[in-house]
Amino acid sequence: MKTILVPVDFSAATTRVCEAACTLADQIGGRLTLLHVVQPPPVVMNEYYAFDAGQMAAAVVSGEKFADRKLAELARLYTKPDRPVEVVRETGQPVPTVLDRAEAMDAAYLVVGSHGHGALYDLFVGSTTQGILKKAHCPVLVIPRGAQTEGHP
């Protein structure tokens, strides 16, 4: 059974990305792996305030707990008897984490969403989808902002 890796960020794009991945999985008889990458908070330091290690760790743990709950909800929504759904939560930087996971699991496809922020946003913040597209070793299906897909819950 082919594995489809679906990185999710719990934004409004998540539903359409998961629905598109379900459609693909149903067409090829595949299984889904939903992946969320919790990013550690940036280090903030100035003369007025700085995160200490305990606060940083607490922020990461909080993000991981939230991600675990959201991933479980998505798995319940999209699992069918003939379409298994696995969930994975990692902590790190999204692009290398997604690419490492895809390679380790020998993913047949990656299904990712595009938020359509624009060039200026991507220049300063970066684009996870763009980073994945540049270095992925498997086909990548990009679901554009506002794409209509058939629901397969």
N, C-alpha and C. Protein backbone atom coordinates (compact mmCIF):
# COMPACT_ATOMS: atom_id res chain seq x y z
N MET A 1 0.85 -1.17 0.00
CA MET A 1 0.00 0.00 0.00
C MET A 1 0.90 1.24 0.00
N LYS A 2 0.64 2.16 -0.91
CA LYS A 2 1.44 3.37 -1.04
C LYS A 2 1.07 4.36 0.07
N THR A 3 2.10 5.05 0.55
CA THR A 3 1.90 6.03 1.62
C THR A 3 1.92 7.44 1.05
N ILE A 4 0.94 8.22 1.46
CA ILE A 4 0.83 9.62 1.08
C ILE A 4 1.11 10.44 2.33
N LEU A 5 2.16 11.23 2.31
CA LEU A 5 2.50 12.09 3.44
C LEU A 5 1.81 13.43 3.27
N VAL A 6 1.09 13.83 4.32
CA VAL A 6 0.29 15.06 4.28
C VAL A 6 0.72 15.97 5.43
N PRO A 7 1.63 16.91 5.16
CA PRO A 7 1.98 17.87 6.21
C PRO A 7 0.80 18.83 6.43
N VAL A 8 0.41 19.01 7.68
CA VAL A 8 -0.72 19.90 8.00
C VAL A 8 -0.28 20.94 9.02
N ASP A 9 -0.86 22.13 8.90
CA ASP A 9 -0.51 23.22 9.83
C ASP A 9 -1.72 23.70 10.62
N PHE A 10 -2.88 23.03 10.46
CA PHE A 10 -4.12 23.35 11.17
C PHE A 10 -4.70 24.69 10.76
N SER A 11 -4.26 25.24 9.64
CA SER A 11 -4.84 26.48 9.12
C SER A 11 -6.11 26.12 8.35
N ALA A 12 -6.73 27.13 7.76
CA ALA A 12 -7.92 26.90 6.95
C ALA A 12 -7.63 25.98 5.76
N ALA A 13 -6.38 25.90 5.34
CA ALA A 13 -6.00 25.05 4.21
C ALA A 13 -6.05 23.57 4.55
N THR A 14 -6.00 23.23 5.82
CA THR A 14 -5.89 21.82 6.22
C THR A 14 -7.02 20.97 5.68
N THR A 15 -8.25 21.45 5.74
CA THR A 15 -9.38 20.64 5.28
C THR A 15 -9.26 20.31 3.80
N ARG A 16 -8.99 21.30 2.97
CA ARG A 16 -8.92 21.02 1.53
C ARG A 16 -7.71 20.15 1.19
N VAL A 17 -6.61 20.29 1.93
CA VAL A 17 -5.43 19.45 1.69
C VAL A 17 -5.75 18.00 2.06
N CYS A 18 -6.38 17.80 3.21
CA CYS A 18 -6.73 16.43 3.64
C CYS A 18 -7.75 15.79 2.70
N GLU A 19 -8.71 16.58 2.23
CA GLU A 19 -9.69 16.03 1.30
C GLU A 19 -9.05 15.62 -0.02
N ALA A 20 -8.14 16.44 -0.52
CA ALA A 20 -7.43 16.08 -1.75
C ALA A 20 -6.58 14.83 -1.54
N ALA A 21 -5.93 14.73 -0.39
CA ALA A 21 -5.11 13.55 -0.09
C ALA A 21 -5.99 12.31 0.01
N CYS A 22 -7.18 12.46 0.59
CA CYS A 22 -8.12 11.32 0.66
C CYS A 22 -8.54 10.87 -0.74
N THR A 23 -8.82 11.82 -1.61
CA THR A 23 -9.19 11.48 -2.99
C THR A 23 -8.07 10.70 -3.66
N LEU A 24 -6.84 11.17 -3.51
CA LEU A 24 -5.70 10.48 -4.09
C LEU A 24 -5.54 9.09 -3.48
N ALA A 25 -5.64 9.00 -2.16
CA ALA A 25 -5.50 7.70 -1.49
C ALA A 25 -6.56 6.72 -1.97
N ASP A 26 -7.79 7.18 -2.13
CA ASP A 26 -8.86 6.30 -2.61
C ASP A 26 -8.60 5.84 -4.04
N GLN A 27 -8.02 6.71 -4.86
CA GLN A 27 -7.76 6.35 -6.25
C GLN A 27 -6.62 5.35 -6.39
N ILE A 28 -5.63 5.42 -5.52
CA ILE A 28 -4.47 4.52 -5.67
C ILE A 28 -4.44 3.42 -4.61
N GLY A 29 -5.47 3.38 -3.75
CA GLY A 29 -5.47 2.39 -2.68
C GLY A 29 -4.38 2.65 -1.67
N GLY A 30 -4.17 3.91 -1.34
CA GLY A 30 -3.08 4.29 -0.45
C GLY A 30 -3.53 4.56 0.98
N ARG A 31 -2.55 4.81 1.80
CA ARG A 31 -2.79 5.18 3.20
C ARG A 31 -2.23 6.58 3.42
N LEU A 32 -2.79 7.28 4.40
CA LEU A 32 -2.35 8.64 4.70
C LEU A 32 -1.52 8.67 5.97
N THR A 33 -0.51 9.49 5.95
CA THR A 33 0.22 9.85 7.16
C THR A 33 0.11 11.36 7.28
N LEU A 34 -0.60 11.81 8.32
CA LEU A 34 -0.74 13.23 8.59
C LEU A 34 0.42 13.64 9.50
N LEU A 35 1.15 14.65 9.10
CA LEU A 35 2.33 15.11 9.84
C LEU A 35 2.16 16.57 10.22
N HIS A 36 2.38 16.84 11.49
CA HIS A 36 2.46 18.23 11.93
C HIS A 36 3.82 18.45 12.57
N VAL A 37 4.46 19.55 12.18
CA VAL A 37 5.77 19.89 12.73
C VAL A 37 5.60 21.10 13.66
N VAL A 38 5.88 20.88 14.93
CA VAL A 38 5.84 21.96 15.92
C VAL A 38 7.17 22.69 15.85
N GLN A 39 7.10 23.98 15.58
CA GLN A 39 8.32 24.78 15.51
C GLN A 39 8.65 25.33 16.89
N PRO A 40 9.88 25.18 17.33
CA PRO A 40 10.27 25.80 18.60
C PRO A 40 10.13 27.32 18.47
N PRO A 41 9.77 28.01 19.55
CA PRO A 41 9.65 29.46 19.46
C PRO A 41 11.01 30.10 19.19
N PRO A 42 10.99 31.23 18.50
CA PRO A 42 12.27 31.90 18.26
C PRO A 42 12.83 32.44 19.58
N VAL A 43 14.12 32.54 19.65
CA VAL A 43 14.76 33.08 20.84
C VAL A 43 14.56 34.59 20.83
N VAL A 44 13.96 35.10 21.89
CA VAL A 44 13.69 36.53 22.00
C VAL A 44 14.52 37.08 23.15
N MET A 45 15.37 38.02 22.84
CA MET A 45 16.19 38.61 23.88
C MET A 45 16.35 40.10 23.60
N ASN A 46 16.16 40.87 24.60
CA ASN A 46 16.50 42.28 24.54
C ASN A 46 16.72 42.72 25.98
N GLU A 47 16.91 43.99 26.20
CA GLU A 47 17.21 44.42 27.56
C GLU A 47 16.01 44.34 28.49
N TYR A 48 14.81 44.16 27.93
CA TYR A 48 13.61 44.12 28.77
C TYR A 48 13.12 42.72 29.07
N TYR A 49 13.34 41.80 28.13
CA TYR A 49 12.71 40.49 28.31
C TYR A 49 13.49 39.43 27.54
N ALA A 50 13.56 38.25 28.09
CA ALA A 50 14.14 37.11 27.40
C ALA A 50 13.46 35.84 27.90
N PHE A 51 13.18 34.94 26.96
CA PHE A 51 12.66 33.63 27.36
C PHE A 51 13.78 32.87 28.07
N ASP A 52 13.45 32.19 29.15
CA ASP A 52 14.45 31.30 29.72
C ASP A 52 14.17 29.89 29.20
N ALA A 53 15.03 28.96 29.48
CA ALA A 53 14.91 27.60 28.96
C ALA A 53 13.62 26.94 29.39
N GLY A 54 13.17 27.21 30.61
CA GLY A 54 11.91 26.62 31.10
C GLY A 54 10.71 27.12 30.32
N GLN A 55 10.70 28.40 30.01
CA GLN A 55 9.59 28.95 29.23
C GLN A 55 9.60 28.40 27.81
N MET A 56 10.77 28.26 27.24
CA MET A 56 10.89 27.69 25.89
C MET A 56 10.36 26.26 25.87
N ALA A 57 10.78 25.47 26.84
CA ALA A 57 10.34 24.08 26.91
C ALA A 57 8.84 24.00 27.11
N ALA A 58 8.29 24.85 27.96
CA ALA A 58 6.84 24.86 28.21
C ALA A 58 6.07 25.22 26.94
N ALA A 59 6.58 26.16 26.18
CA ALA A 59 5.92 26.55 24.93
C ALA A 59 5.92 25.39 23.93
N VAL A 60 7.02 24.67 23.84
CA VAL A 60 7.10 23.54 22.93
C VAL A 60 6.14 22.44 23.38
N VAL A 61 6.12 22.12 24.66
CA VAL A 61 5.23 21.07 25.18
C VAL A 61 3.77 21.45 24.93
N SER A 62 3.43 22.69 25.14
CA SER A 62 2.07 23.16 24.88
C SER A 62 1.72 22.98 23.40
N GLY A 63 2.62 23.35 22.52
CA GLY A 63 2.40 23.18 21.08
C GLY A 63 2.26 21.72 20.70
N GLU A 64 3.04 20.86 21.32
CA GLU A 64 2.96 19.43 21.03
C GLU A 64 1.63 18.83 21.49
N LYS A 65 1.15 19.23 22.65
CA LYS A 65 -0.14 18.73 23.15
C LYS A 65 -1.28 19.17 22.24
N PHE A 66 -1.25 20.43 21.84
CA PHE A 66 -2.27 20.95 20.92
C PHE A 66 -2.23 20.16 19.61
N ALA A 67 -1.04 19.94 19.07
CA ALA A 67 -0.89 19.22 17.82
C ALA A 67 -1.41 17.79 17.94
N ASP A 68 -1.12 17.13 19.04
CA ASP A 68 -1.59 15.76 19.24
C ASP A 68 -3.12 15.70 19.23
N ARG A 69 -3.77 16.66 19.87
CA ARG A 69 -5.25 16.70 19.87
C ARG A 69 -5.81 16.93 18.47
N LYS A 70 -5.24 17.89 17.77
CA LYS A 70 -5.73 18.22 16.42
C LYS A 70 -5.48 17.06 15.45
N LEU A 71 -4.33 16.41 15.55
CA LEU A 71 -4.04 15.27 14.69
C LEU A 71 -5.00 14.12 14.94
N ALA A 72 -5.31 13.86 16.20
CA ALA A 72 -6.26 12.80 16.53
C ALA A 72 -7.64 13.11 15.94
N GLU A 73 -8.06 14.36 16.01
CA GLU A 73 -9.35 14.76 15.42
C GLU A 73 -9.35 14.51 13.91
N LEU A 74 -8.28 14.91 13.25
CA LEU A 74 -8.19 14.70 11.80
C LEU A 74 -8.19 13.22 11.45
N ALA A 75 -7.47 12.42 12.22
CA ALA A 75 -7.44 10.98 11.95
C ALA A 75 -8.83 10.37 12.07
N ARG A 76 -9.57 10.77 13.10
CA ARG A 76 -10.94 10.25 13.26
C ARG A 76 -11.82 10.66 12.07
N LEU A 77 -11.63 11.86 11.59
CA LEU A 77 -12.46 12.38 10.51
C LEU A 77 -12.18 11.69 9.17
N TYR A 78 -10.93 11.37 8.89
CA TYR A 78 -10.56 10.89 7.56
C TYR A 78 -10.27 9.39 7.46
N THR A 79 -10.27 8.68 8.57
CA THR A 79 -10.02 7.23 8.52
C THR A 79 -11.26 6.50 8.01
N LYS A 80 -11.03 5.55 7.12
CA LYS A 80 -12.07 4.65 6.63
C LYS A 80 -11.50 3.24 6.70
N PRO A 81 -12.36 2.22 6.67
CA PRO A 81 -11.82 0.85 6.74
C PRO A 81 -10.78 0.54 5.66
N ASP A 82 -10.97 1.09 4.47
CA ASP A 82 -10.02 0.82 3.38
C ASP A 82 -9.01 1.95 3.18
N ARG A 83 -9.00 2.92 4.12
CA ARG A 83 -8.05 4.03 4.04
C ARG A 83 -7.51 4.34 5.43
N PRO A 84 -6.46 3.63 5.83
CA PRO A 84 -5.90 3.91 7.16
C PRO A 84 -5.22 5.28 7.20
N VAL A 85 -5.28 5.88 8.38
CA VAL A 85 -4.64 7.18 8.61
C VAL A 85 -3.76 7.06 9.84
N GLU A 86 -2.50 7.41 9.65
CA GLU A 86 -1.53 7.46 10.75
C GLU A 86 -1.24 8.93 11.02
N VAL A 87 -0.94 9.25 12.27
CA VAL A 87 -0.55 10.62 12.60
C VAL A 87 0.85 10.63 13.19
N VAL A 88 1.59 11.68 12.85
CA VAL A 88 2.95 11.84 13.34
C VAL A 88 3.13 13.29 13.71
N ARG A 89 3.71 13.51 14.89
CA ARG A 89 4.04 14.86 15.32
C ARG A 89 5.53 14.93 15.56
N GLU A 90 6.17 15.91 14.95
CA GLU A 90 7.61 16.12 15.11
C GLU A 90 7.82 17.54 15.63
N THR A 91 8.99 17.79 16.14
CA THR A 91 9.37 19.14 16.56
C THR A 91 10.63 19.52 15.79
N GLY A 92 10.60 20.69 15.18
CA GLY A 92 11.76 21.14 14.42
C GLY A 92 11.36 22.16 13.38
N GLN A 93 12.18 22.27 12.36
CA GLN A 93 11.90 23.18 11.25
C GLN A 93 11.10 22.42 10.19
N PRO A 94 10.03 23.01 9.68
CA PRO A 94 9.11 22.26 8.81
C PRO A 94 9.72 21.63 7.56
N VAL A 95 10.43 22.39 6.75
CA VAL A 95 10.89 21.85 5.47
C VAL A 95 11.81 20.65 5.65
N PRO A 96 12.92 20.75 6.40
CA PRO A 96 13.77 19.56 6.52
C PRO A 96 13.09 18.40 7.23
N THR A 97 12.21 18.70 8.17
CA THR A 97 11.51 17.64 8.89
C THR A 97 10.57 16.88 7.96
N VAL A 98 9.81 17.61 7.14
CA VAL A 98 8.90 16.96 6.19
C VAL A 98 9.69 16.13 5.19
N LEU A 99 10.75 16.69 4.65
CA LEU A 99 11.55 15.96 3.66
C LEU A 99 12.21 14.72 4.25
N ASP A 100 12.73 14.83 5.47
CA ASP A 100 13.33 13.67 6.14
C ASP A 100 12.29 12.58 6.37
N ARG A 101 11.11 12.97 6.82
CA ARG A 101 10.05 11.99 7.08
C ARG A 101 9.61 11.32 5.78
N ALA A 102 9.46 12.10 4.71
CA ALA A 102 9.05 11.54 3.42
C ALA A 102 10.06 10.51 2.93
N GLU A 103 11.33 10.83 3.08
CA GLU A 103 12.37 9.90 2.64
C GLU A 103 12.41 8.65 3.53
N ALA A 104 12.31 8.85 4.84
CA ALA A 104 12.38 7.72 5.76
C ALA A 104 11.23 6.74 5.55
N MET A 105 10.07 7.25 5.21
CA MET A 105 8.90 6.36 5.04
C MET A 105 8.69 5.97 3.58
N ASP A 106 9.59 6.40 2.70
CA ASP A 106 9.49 6.11 1.28
C ASP A 106 8.10 6.51 0.76
N ALA A 107 7.72 7.76 1.03
CA ALA A 107 6.41 8.26 0.63
C ALA A 107 6.28 8.22 -0.89
N ALA A 108 5.11 7.79 -1.35
CA ALA A 108 4.83 7.78 -2.78
C ALA A 108 4.48 9.18 -3.26
N TYR A 109 3.83 9.96 -2.39
CA TYR A 109 3.41 11.32 -2.72
C TYR A 109 3.46 12.19 -1.47
N LEU A 110 3.63 13.49 -1.69
CA LEU A 110 3.43 14.51 -0.67
C LEU A 110 2.25 15.35 -1.14
N VAL A 111 1.31 15.64 -0.25
CA VAL A 111 0.19 16.52 -0.58
C VAL A 111 0.27 17.69 0.37
N VAL A 112 0.50 18.88 -0.20
CA VAL A 112 0.71 20.09 0.61
C VAL A 112 -0.23 21.19 0.14
N GLY A 113 -0.47 22.15 1.01
CA GLY A 113 -1.30 23.29 0.66
C GLY A 113 -0.47 24.51 0.37
N SER A 114 -1.07 25.39 -0.41
CA SER A 114 -0.45 26.68 -0.69
C SER A 114 -1.37 27.75 -0.13
N HIS A 115 -0.82 28.60 0.70
CA HIS A 115 -1.63 29.67 1.30
C HIS A 115 -1.76 30.87 0.38
N GLY A 116 -0.89 30.98 -0.60
CA GLY A 116 -0.97 32.08 -1.56
C GLY A 116 -0.68 33.44 -0.94
N HIS A 117 0.31 33.50 -0.04
CA HIS A 117 0.62 34.77 0.62
C HIS A 117 1.22 35.80 -0.31
N GLY A 118 2.00 35.39 -1.27
CA GLY A 118 2.62 36.34 -2.18
C GLY A 118 4.12 36.40 -2.00
N ALA A 119 4.77 37.04 -2.96
CA ALA A 119 6.23 37.06 -3.02
C ALA A 119 6.86 37.78 -1.84
N LEU A 120 6.28 38.89 -1.41
CA LEU A 120 6.88 39.65 -0.30
C LEU A 120 6.85 38.83 0.99
N TYR A 121 5.73 38.20 1.28
CA TYR A 121 5.62 37.35 2.46
C TYR A 121 6.66 36.22 2.39
N ASP A 122 6.72 35.56 1.23
CA ASP A 122 7.65 34.45 1.07
C ASP A 122 9.11 34.90 1.22
N LEU A 123 9.40 36.12 0.76
CA LEU A 123 10.75 36.64 0.87
C LEU A 123 11.18 36.78 2.33
N PHE A 124 10.30 37.31 3.17
CA PHE A 124 10.66 37.55 4.57
C PHE A 124 10.39 36.37 5.48
N VAL A 125 9.31 35.65 5.25
CA VAL A 125 8.94 34.55 6.14
C VAL A 125 9.37 33.21 5.57
N GLY A 126 9.31 33.08 4.26
CA GLY A 126 9.65 31.82 3.62
C GLY A 126 8.39 31.04 3.31
N SER A 127 8.51 30.10 2.43
CA SER A 127 7.38 29.28 2.04
C SER A 127 7.75 27.82 2.25
N THR A 128 7.00 27.18 3.12
CA THR A 128 7.23 25.75 3.36
C THR A 128 7.00 24.96 2.09
N THR A 129 5.91 25.25 1.39
CA THR A 129 5.60 24.53 0.16
C THR A 129 6.72 24.69 -0.87
N GLN A 130 7.22 25.90 -1.02
CA GLN A 130 8.30 26.16 -1.97
C GLN A 130 9.55 25.36 -1.60
N GLY A 131 9.88 25.34 -0.31
CA GLY A 131 11.04 24.57 0.13
C GLY A 131 10.89 23.09 -0.12
N ILE A 132 9.68 22.57 0.07
CA ILE A 132 9.41 21.15 -0.18
C ILE A 132 9.52 20.85 -1.67
N LEU A 133 8.93 21.72 -2.49
CA LEU A 133 8.98 21.51 -3.93
C LEU A 133 10.41 21.46 -4.47
N LYS A 134 11.28 22.28 -3.93
CA LYS A 134 12.66 22.35 -4.43
C LYS A 134 13.46 21.08 -4.15
N LYS A 135 13.14 20.38 -3.05
CA LYS A 135 14.02 19.29 -2.63
C LYS A 135 13.35 17.92 -2.48
N ALA A 136 12.07 17.82 -2.75
CA ALA A 136 11.37 16.55 -2.57
C ALA A 136 11.87 15.50 -3.55
N HIS A 137 11.92 14.26 -3.09
CA HIS A 137 12.35 13.14 -3.93
C HIS A 137 11.18 12.30 -4.41
N CYS A 138 9.95 12.79 -4.20
CA CYS A 138 8.76 12.10 -4.67
C CYS A 138 7.82 13.15 -5.26
N PRO A 139 6.81 12.73 -6.00
CA PRO A 139 5.86 13.71 -6.54
C PRO A 139 5.17 14.50 -5.43
N VAL A 140 4.95 15.79 -5.69
CA VAL A 140 4.30 16.68 -4.74
C VAL A 140 3.04 17.24 -5.39
N LEU A 141 1.92 17.04 -4.72
CA LEU A 141 0.65 17.60 -5.17
C LEU A 141 0.39 18.85 -4.32
N VAL A 142 0.32 20.02 -4.98
CA VAL A 142 0.09 21.28 -4.27
C VAL A 142 -1.37 21.67 -4.46
N ILE A 143 -2.06 21.86 -3.36
CA ILE A 143 -3.46 22.27 -3.38
C ILE A 143 -3.49 23.78 -3.19
N PRO A 144 -3.92 24.51 -4.22
CA PRO A 144 -3.88 25.98 -4.12
C PRO A 144 -4.95 26.52 -3.19
N ARG A 145 -4.74 27.72 -2.74
CA ARG A 145 -5.70 28.40 -1.88
C ARG A 145 -7.04 28.49 -2.60
N GLY A 146 -8.09 28.13 -1.91
CA GLY A 146 -9.43 28.22 -2.48
C GLY A 146 -9.81 27.07 -3.38
N ALA A 147 -8.96 26.04 -3.49
CA ALA A 147 -9.28 24.90 -4.36
C ALA A 147 -10.49 24.15 -3.81
N GLN A 148 -11.35 23.72 -4.71
CA GLN A 148 -12.51 22.93 -4.33
C GLN A 148 -12.18 21.46 -4.50
N THR A 149 -12.43 20.67 -3.47
CA THR A 149 -12.18 19.23 -3.56
C THR A 149 -13.42 18.50 -3.08
N GLU A 150 -13.53 17.25 -3.47
CA GLU A 150 -14.64 16.42 -2.99
C GLU A 150 -14.34 16.00 -1.57
N GLY A 151 -15.32 16.10 -0.68
CA GLY A 151 -15.13 15.67 0.70
C GLY A 151 -15.19 14.14 0.79
N HIS A 152 -14.30 13.57 1.58
CA HIS A 152 -14.25 12.12 1.78
C HIS A 152 -14.14 11.75 3.23
N PRO A 153 -14.81 12.44 4.13
CA PRO A 153 -14.70 12.03 5.53
C PRO A 153 -15.27 10.65 5.77
